[in-house]
Amino acid sequence: MKLKIRLKEILAEKGISQRQLSMQMNIRYATINHLCSDSVDRVYVRTLEAICDALEISIHELIVEDTET
């Protein structure tokens, strides 16, 4: 099973830029940018928790099964 992080789509839905999120969370822009790419292979659970808190979403909204492969 392959998982997908929907951060890029969620930011677009909420009208928030990657840079705005990085500033709001006080996290490196490069980290947010990487999580918005299709090549994520590792991520800290705490980072995902912080993103969910910042965007007021559940982990189930952020991470989904990638059925396109």
N, C-alpha and C. Protein backbone atom coordinates (compact mmCIF):
# COMPACT_ATOMS: atom_id res chain seq x y z
N MET A 1 0.85 -1.18 0.00
CA MET A 1 0.00 0.00 0.00
C MET A 1 0.89 1.23 0.00
N LYS A 2 0.56 2.17 -0.86
CA LYS A 2 1.29 3.43 -0.94
C LYS A 2 0.42 4.55 -0.38
N LEU A 3 1.05 5.42 0.42
CA LEU A 3 0.34 6.53 1.04
C LEU A 3 0.68 7.83 0.35
N LYS A 4 -0.24 8.77 0.43
CA LYS A 4 -0.03 10.08 -0.18
C LYS A 4 -0.35 11.16 0.85
N ILE A 5 0.50 12.16 0.92
CA ILE A 5 0.26 13.32 1.77
C ILE A 5 -0.42 14.38 0.91
N ARG A 6 -1.62 14.79 1.29
CA ARG A 6 -2.43 15.71 0.50
C ARG A 6 -2.19 17.18 0.85
N LEU A 7 -1.03 17.50 1.36
CA LEU A 7 -0.79 18.86 1.84
C LEU A 7 -0.98 19.90 0.75
N LYS A 8 -0.46 19.65 -0.41
CA LYS A 8 -0.57 20.61 -1.51
C LYS A 8 -2.04 20.91 -1.84
N GLU A 9 -2.86 19.87 -1.91
CA GLU A 9 -4.28 20.04 -2.22
C GLU A 9 -5.01 20.78 -1.11
N ILE A 10 -4.69 20.44 0.13
CA ILE A 10 -5.36 21.08 1.27
C ILE A 10 -5.00 22.56 1.34
N LEU A 11 -3.75 22.89 1.10
CA LEU A 11 -3.35 24.30 1.10
C LEU A 11 -4.11 25.07 0.02
N ALA A 12 -4.25 24.45 -1.16
CA ALA A 12 -4.99 25.11 -2.25
C ALA A 12 -6.45 25.31 -1.87
N GLU A 13 -7.06 24.30 -1.25
CA GLU A 13 -8.46 24.40 -0.83
C GLU A 13 -8.66 25.52 0.19
N LYS A 14 -7.69 25.71 1.06
CA LYS A 14 -7.79 26.71 2.13
C LYS A 14 -7.23 28.07 1.71
N GLY A 15 -6.64 28.14 0.53
CA GLY A 15 -6.08 29.41 0.06
C GLY A 15 -4.86 29.86 0.84
N ILE A 16 -4.07 28.90 1.28
CA ILE A 16 -2.87 29.19 2.06
C ILE A 16 -1.65 28.78 1.25
N SER A 17 -0.64 29.63 1.21
CA SER A 17 0.59 29.28 0.48
C SER A 17 1.50 28.44 1.36
N GLN A 18 2.42 27.76 0.73
CA GLN A 18 3.41 26.98 1.47
C GLN A 18 4.21 27.88 2.40
N ARG A 19 4.57 29.06 1.90
CA ARG A 19 5.35 30.00 2.70
C ARG A 19 4.56 30.49 3.91
N GLN A 20 3.26 30.76 3.72
CA GLN A 20 2.43 31.20 4.84
C GLN A 20 2.37 30.12 5.92
N LEU A 21 2.21 28.87 5.50
CA LEU A 21 2.15 27.78 6.47
C LEU A 21 3.48 27.63 7.21
N SER A 22 4.57 27.73 6.47
CA SER A 22 5.88 27.60 7.12
C SER A 22 6.10 28.70 8.14
N MET A 23 5.67 29.91 7.82
CA MET A 23 5.81 31.02 8.77
C MET A 23 4.89 30.84 9.97
N GLN A 24 3.66 30.40 9.73
CA GLN A 24 2.70 30.19 10.80
C GLN A 24 3.19 29.12 11.77
N MET A 25 3.83 28.07 11.24
CA MET A 25 4.28 26.95 12.07
C MET A 25 5.70 27.13 12.58
N ASN A 26 6.40 28.16 12.06
CA ASN A 26 7.81 28.36 12.40
C ASN A 26 8.63 27.12 12.04
N ILE A 27 8.42 26.68 10.81
CA ILE A 27 9.10 25.51 10.28
C ILE A 27 9.72 25.91 8.94
N ARG A 28 10.80 25.25 8.58
CA ARG A 28 11.49 25.61 7.33
C ARG A 28 10.57 25.47 6.12
N TYR A 29 10.63 26.45 5.23
CA TYR A 29 9.86 26.40 3.98
C TYR A 29 10.22 25.15 3.18
N ALA A 30 11.48 24.76 3.19
CA ALA A 30 11.91 23.58 2.43
C ALA A 30 11.20 22.32 2.91
N THR A 31 10.92 22.25 4.20
CA THR A 31 10.20 21.09 4.75
C THR A 31 8.79 21.03 4.20
N ILE A 32 8.09 22.15 4.24
CA ILE A 32 6.72 22.21 3.71
C ILE A 32 6.73 21.92 2.22
N ASN A 33 7.66 22.51 1.50
CA ASN A 33 7.76 22.29 0.06
C ASN A 33 7.98 20.82 -0.25
N HIS A 34 8.84 20.17 0.50
CA HIS A 34 9.11 18.74 0.29
C HIS A 34 7.85 17.91 0.55
N LEU A 35 7.10 18.25 1.60
CA LEU A 35 5.89 17.51 1.91
C LEU A 35 4.79 17.72 0.87
N CYS A 36 4.90 18.79 0.10
CA CYS A 36 3.94 19.05 -0.98
C CYS A 36 4.33 18.34 -2.28
N SER A 37 5.49 17.76 -2.32
CA SER A 37 5.94 17.07 -3.53
C SER A 37 5.43 15.63 -3.54
N ASP A 38 5.62 14.96 -4.65
CA ASP A 38 5.20 13.57 -4.79
C ASP A 38 6.29 12.59 -4.40
N SER A 39 7.41 13.09 -3.90
CA SER A 39 8.54 12.21 -3.62
C SER A 39 8.85 12.05 -2.13
N VAL A 40 7.83 12.21 -1.29
CA VAL A 40 8.03 12.08 0.15
C VAL A 40 8.17 10.60 0.50
N ASP A 41 9.27 10.26 1.16
CA ASP A 41 9.44 8.88 1.59
C ASP A 41 9.61 8.76 3.10
N ARG A 42 9.84 9.89 3.77
CA ARG A 42 9.97 9.89 5.23
C ARG A 42 9.43 11.21 5.78
N VAL A 43 8.81 11.09 6.93
CA VAL A 43 8.31 12.29 7.60
C VAL A 43 8.14 11.97 9.08
N TYR A 44 8.40 12.95 9.91
CA TYR A 44 8.20 12.78 11.34
C TYR A 44 6.70 12.88 11.67
N VAL A 45 6.24 12.00 12.52
CA VAL A 45 4.85 12.02 12.95
C VAL A 45 4.53 13.35 13.63
N ARG A 46 5.45 13.86 14.40
CA ARG A 46 5.22 15.16 15.08
C ARG A 46 5.01 16.28 14.07
N THR A 47 5.70 16.22 12.95
CA THR A 47 5.51 17.23 11.90
C THR A 47 4.10 17.13 11.34
N LEU A 48 3.63 15.92 11.09
CA LEU A 48 2.27 15.73 10.59
C LEU A 48 1.24 16.20 11.60
N GLU A 49 1.48 15.91 12.88
CA GLU A 49 0.58 16.37 13.93
C GLU A 49 0.52 17.90 13.97
N ALA A 50 1.67 18.53 13.85
CA ALA A 50 1.73 20.00 13.88
C ALA A 50 1.01 20.60 12.68
N ILE A 51 1.15 19.99 11.52
CA ILE A 51 0.46 20.46 10.32
C ILE A 51 -1.05 20.34 10.51
N CYS A 52 -1.49 19.20 11.03
CA CYS A 52 -2.92 19.00 11.28
C CYS A 52 -3.46 20.05 12.25
N ASP A 53 -2.71 20.32 13.30
CA ASP A 53 -3.13 21.34 14.27
C ASP A 53 -3.20 22.72 13.62
N ALA A 54 -2.18 23.07 12.85
CA ALA A 54 -2.13 24.39 12.21
C ALA A 54 -3.26 24.58 11.21
N LEU A 55 -3.61 23.52 10.48
CA LEU A 55 -4.64 23.62 9.45
C LEU A 55 -6.02 23.22 9.96
N GLU A 56 -6.08 22.78 11.22
CA GLU A 56 -7.33 22.34 11.84
C GLU A 56 -8.00 21.24 11.01
N ILE A 57 -7.21 20.21 10.73
CA ILE A 57 -7.70 19.05 9.98
C ILE A 57 -7.32 17.78 10.74
N SER A 58 -7.91 16.67 10.32
CA SER A 58 -7.54 15.39 10.93
C SER A 58 -6.44 14.74 10.10
N ILE A 59 -5.77 13.80 10.70
CA ILE A 59 -4.71 13.06 10.00
C ILE A 59 -5.30 12.30 8.82
N HIS A 60 -6.57 11.91 8.92
CA HIS A 60 -7.23 11.17 7.84
C HIS A 60 -7.46 12.05 6.61
N GLU A 61 -7.55 13.34 6.81
CA GLU A 61 -7.66 14.27 5.68
C GLU A 61 -6.31 14.49 5.02
N LEU A 62 -5.27 14.45 5.83
CA LEU A 62 -3.92 14.75 5.34
C LEU A 62 -3.27 13.57 4.63
N ILE A 63 -3.48 12.37 5.15
CA ILE A 63 -2.84 11.18 4.57
C ILE A 63 -3.91 10.25 4.04
N VAL A 64 -3.78 9.87 2.77
CA VAL A 64 -4.72 8.96 2.14
C VAL A 64 -3.97 7.88 1.39
N GLU A 65 -4.66 6.81 1.06
CA GLU A 65 -4.05 5.76 0.26
C GLU A 65 -3.98 6.24 -1.18
N ASP A 66 -2.82 6.06 -1.79
CA ASP A 66 -2.60 6.45 -3.17
C ASP A 66 -3.06 5.32 -4.07
N THR A 67 -4.19 5.52 -4.71
CA THR A 67 -4.77 4.48 -5.57
C THR A 67 -4.37 4.64 -7.03
N GLU A 68 -3.57 5.64 -7.34
CA GLU A 68 -3.17 5.90 -8.72
C GLU A 68 -1.99 5.07 -9.19
N THR A 69 -1.43 4.22 -8.33
CA THR A 69 -0.28 3.41 -8.73
C THR A 69 -0.69 2.02 -9.08
